Structures are given as C-alpha cells and as structure tokens.
Amino acid sequence: MAEYEIPKDLVYSKDDEWVRTDSENRLTVGVTDFAQQQLGDIVFVELPEIGLELNVGDTFGVIESVKAVSDLFSPVAGTIVEVNALLEERPEAVNADCYGDGWMVIIQGKNEESDLLTSAEYRKHIESRED
C-alpha cells in the first residue's frame, strides 16, 4: 500500500474529505492526501459562494486534475462562511499541502450527527479500497 499522510487530530469522510473543528464549531474542510494522490496534479478548483447551506453529502464544489474531474461532497451540515481564495490562483496548493494551504472551505457547523471516521478508521477504509 502506498503511504498517505492521515493526521490523527482530524476526522474523515468516506468521500475522502478531512475536517478540523475549532472552538466555535467552525469546520475547516479539505481533501485528503489519499484523494490528492489519486487525482494527480490539480489544475482547477471550483468552490461555492459564502452563505451556501449544506447538508451532509451535498456537493459543494468541483476539483479537476489532469486525470479526472470530481465533485466535492460536504462531510458535515452547516453554512459556508469562508472559501480558500488562494485555490483560484494556485489550485496546485492542494497537492503541495492538502492539510494546510490547500484547505477548501470553512463551514459553520450544525450540531448534527455525521459518519466521520477517526484517522485509524479512515486508514482501514482506504486500505480496503486498494485491495
């Protein structure tokens, strides 16, 4: 199996997004190292308007690489409060630093249950897909 960075302080969706929560229930969302490696060189990222209301599983954008175009799915419910404008000019930031400068959106979360995975659970999830 290839090596993927899966930080222990984040939670993950089965659609290969990561979530970092701050003290005000603001949720930073991006794509995982596994996702960006599978996609290859990212050439375009389309992100939503601020204020968009999302439910778990809603499409909130598109990521395009030299290999494929993929929808981005919200791992949580809430309202978009910030988008990463850097990605309009530098979509390759997703490849360079998917857990840092390559984040996608910040969502003001609703306190709803979701099926997010721990880092260990996410690692098992991607290993099962590579078999």
Protein backbone atom coordinates (compact mmCIF):
# COMPACT_ATOMS: atom_id res chain seq x y z
CA MET A 1 0.00 0.00 0.00
CA ALA A 2 1.19 3.49 -0.78
CA GLU A 3 1.95 5.83 2.12
CA TYR A 4 -0.61 8.51 2.87
CA GLU A 5 -0.47 11.25 5.46
CA ILE A 6 -3.50 10.88 7.76
CA PRO A 7 -3.19 13.31 10.70
CA LYS A 8 -4.59 11.94 13.96
CA ASP A 9 -6.13 15.30 15.01
CA LEU A 10 -8.61 15.33 12.10
CA VAL A 11 -11.72 13.33 11.22
CA TYR A 12 -12.51 12.00 7.76
CA SER A 13 -15.38 11.20 5.42
CA LYS A 14 -15.68 8.11 3.27
CA ASP A 15 -15.66 10.56 0.31
CA ASP A 16 -12.03 11.47 1.15
CA GLU A 17 -12.54 14.84 2.82
CA TRP A 18 -10.98 15.82 6.14
CA VAL A 19 -12.50 18.03 8.86
CA ARG A 20 -10.77 20.16 11.51
CA THR A 21 -13.02 21.66 14.21
CA ASP A 22 -12.23 24.86 16.12
CA SER A 23 -13.67 26.07 19.42
CA GLU A 24 -16.60 27.90 17.74
CA ASN A 25 -17.78 24.82 15.78
CA ARG A 26 -16.23 26.23 12.61
CA LEU A 27 -15.20 23.28 10.47
CA THR A 28 -12.34 23.56 8.01
CA VAL A 29 -12.75 21.04 5.17
CA GLY A 30 -10.32 19.82 2.53
CA VAL A 31 -9.45 16.73 0.53
CA THR A 32 -7.19 14.06 1.99
CA ASP A 33 -3.68 13.13 0.95
CA PHE A 34 -5.12 9.89 -0.45
CA ALA A 35 -7.57 11.88 -2.64
CA GLN A 36 -5.00 14.32 -3.98
CA GLN A 37 -2.57 11.49 -4.77
CA GLN A 38 -5.31 9.58 -6.61
CA LEU A 39 -6.27 12.68 -8.60
CA GLY A 40 -2.74 13.66 -9.57
CA ASP A 41 -1.84 17.25 -10.48
CA ILE A 42 -4.73 19.56 -9.51
CA VAL A 43 -5.38 22.19 -12.19
CA PHE A 44 -8.71 23.76 -11.10
CA VAL A 45 -10.88 24.04 -8.01
CA GLU A 46 -14.41 25.45 -8.06
CA LEU A 47 -15.70 26.46 -4.64
CA PRO A 48 -19.17 27.64 -3.52
CA GLU A 49 -20.48 31.06 -2.58
CA ILE A 50 -20.30 32.14 1.05
CA GLY A 51 -23.68 31.60 2.70
CA LEU A 52 -24.49 28.32 0.95
CA GLU A 53 -26.38 25.96 3.28
CA LEU A 54 -25.20 22.35 3.14
CA ASN A 55 -26.43 19.01 4.39
CA VAL A 56 -24.14 16.03 4.80
CA GLY A 57 -23.38 14.64 1.34
CA ASP A 58 -24.31 17.78 -0.62
CA THR A 59 -21.99 18.75 -3.46
CA PHE A 60 -20.15 21.97 -2.63
CA GLY A 61 -17.65 22.23 -5.46
CA VAL A 62 -15.54 20.56 -8.10
CA ILE A 63 -11.88 19.58 -8.20
CA GLU A 64 -10.19 18.96 -11.54
CA SER A 65 -6.87 17.28 -12.20
CA VAL A 66 -5.00 16.19 -15.27
CA LYS A 67 -6.65 12.76 -14.76
CA ALA A 68 -10.24 13.47 -13.71
CA VAL A 69 -12.97 15.85 -12.59
CA SER A 70 -14.55 15.06 -9.22
CA ASP A 71 -17.32 16.57 -7.12
CA LEU A 72 -16.57 17.68 -3.58
CA PHE A 73 -19.09 16.42 -1.01
CA SER A 74 -19.78 18.08 2.32
CA PRO A 75 -18.85 15.80 5.22
CA VAL A 76 -20.91 17.97 7.61
CA ALA A 77 -24.07 20.09 7.72
CA GLY A 78 -23.83 23.85 8.04
CA THR A 79 -23.26 27.15 6.26
CA ILE A 80 -20.22 28.12 4.18
CA VAL A 81 -18.57 31.05 5.98
CA GLU A 82 -15.24 31.16 4.13
CA VAL A 83 -13.66 29.76 0.97
CA ASN A 84 -9.97 29.42 0.19
CA ALA A 85 -9.48 32.13 -2.46
CA LEU A 86 -5.84 31.04 -2.88
CA LEU A 87 -7.05 27.99 -4.81
CA GLU A 88 -8.42 30.15 -7.65
CA GLU A 89 -4.87 31.26 -8.47
CA ARG A 90 -2.95 28.26 -7.11
CA PRO A 91 -5.02 25.05 -7.27
CA GLU A 92 -1.77 23.09 -7.00
CA ALA A 93 -1.70 24.09 -3.29
CA VAL A 94 -3.97 21.07 -2.78
CA ASN A 95 -1.14 18.80 -3.96
CA ALA A 96 1.57 20.68 -2.07
CA ASP A 97 -0.20 20.99 1.30
CA CYS A 98 -3.68 19.43 1.38
CA TYR A 99 -3.96 19.76 5.18
CA GLY A 100 -2.62 23.34 5.26
CA ASP A 101 -2.73 25.91 2.45
CA GLY A 102 -4.82 23.53 0.32
CA TRP A 103 -7.94 23.61 2.53
CA MET A 104 -11.22 24.20 0.65
CA VAL A 105 -13.94 25.78 2.80
CA ILE A 106 -14.88 26.69 6.36
CA ILE A 107 -18.38 25.68 7.43
CA GLN A 108 -20.24 26.95 10.46
CA GLY A 109 -21.40 23.56 11.60
CA LYS A 110 -24.79 22.47 12.79
CA ASN A 111 -24.76 20.07 15.69
CA GLU A 112 -25.89 17.07 13.68
CA GLU A 113 -24.55 13.56 13.70
CA SER A 114 -22.37 12.53 10.81
CA ASP A 115 -20.49 9.37 9.90
CA LEU A 116 -16.99 10.80 10.21
CA LEU A 117 -14.07 8.45 10.76
CA THR A 118 -11.04 8.63 13.04
CA SER A 119 -7.63 8.54 11.38
CA ALA A 120 -7.33 4.79 12.11
CA GLU A 121 -10.80 4.08 10.70
CA TYR A 122 -10.03 6.17 7.60
CA ARG A 123 -6.74 4.31 7.03
CA LYS A 124 -8.65 0.99 7.13
CA HIS A 125 -11.24 2.45 4.75
CA ILE A 126 -8.65 3.37 2.10
CA GLU A 127 -6.75 0.11 2.57
CA SER A 128 -9.95 -1.83 1.86
CA ARG A 129 -10.39 0.14 -1.39
CA GLU A 130 -6.86 -0.63 -2.59
CA ASP A 131 -7.27 -4.41 -2.28
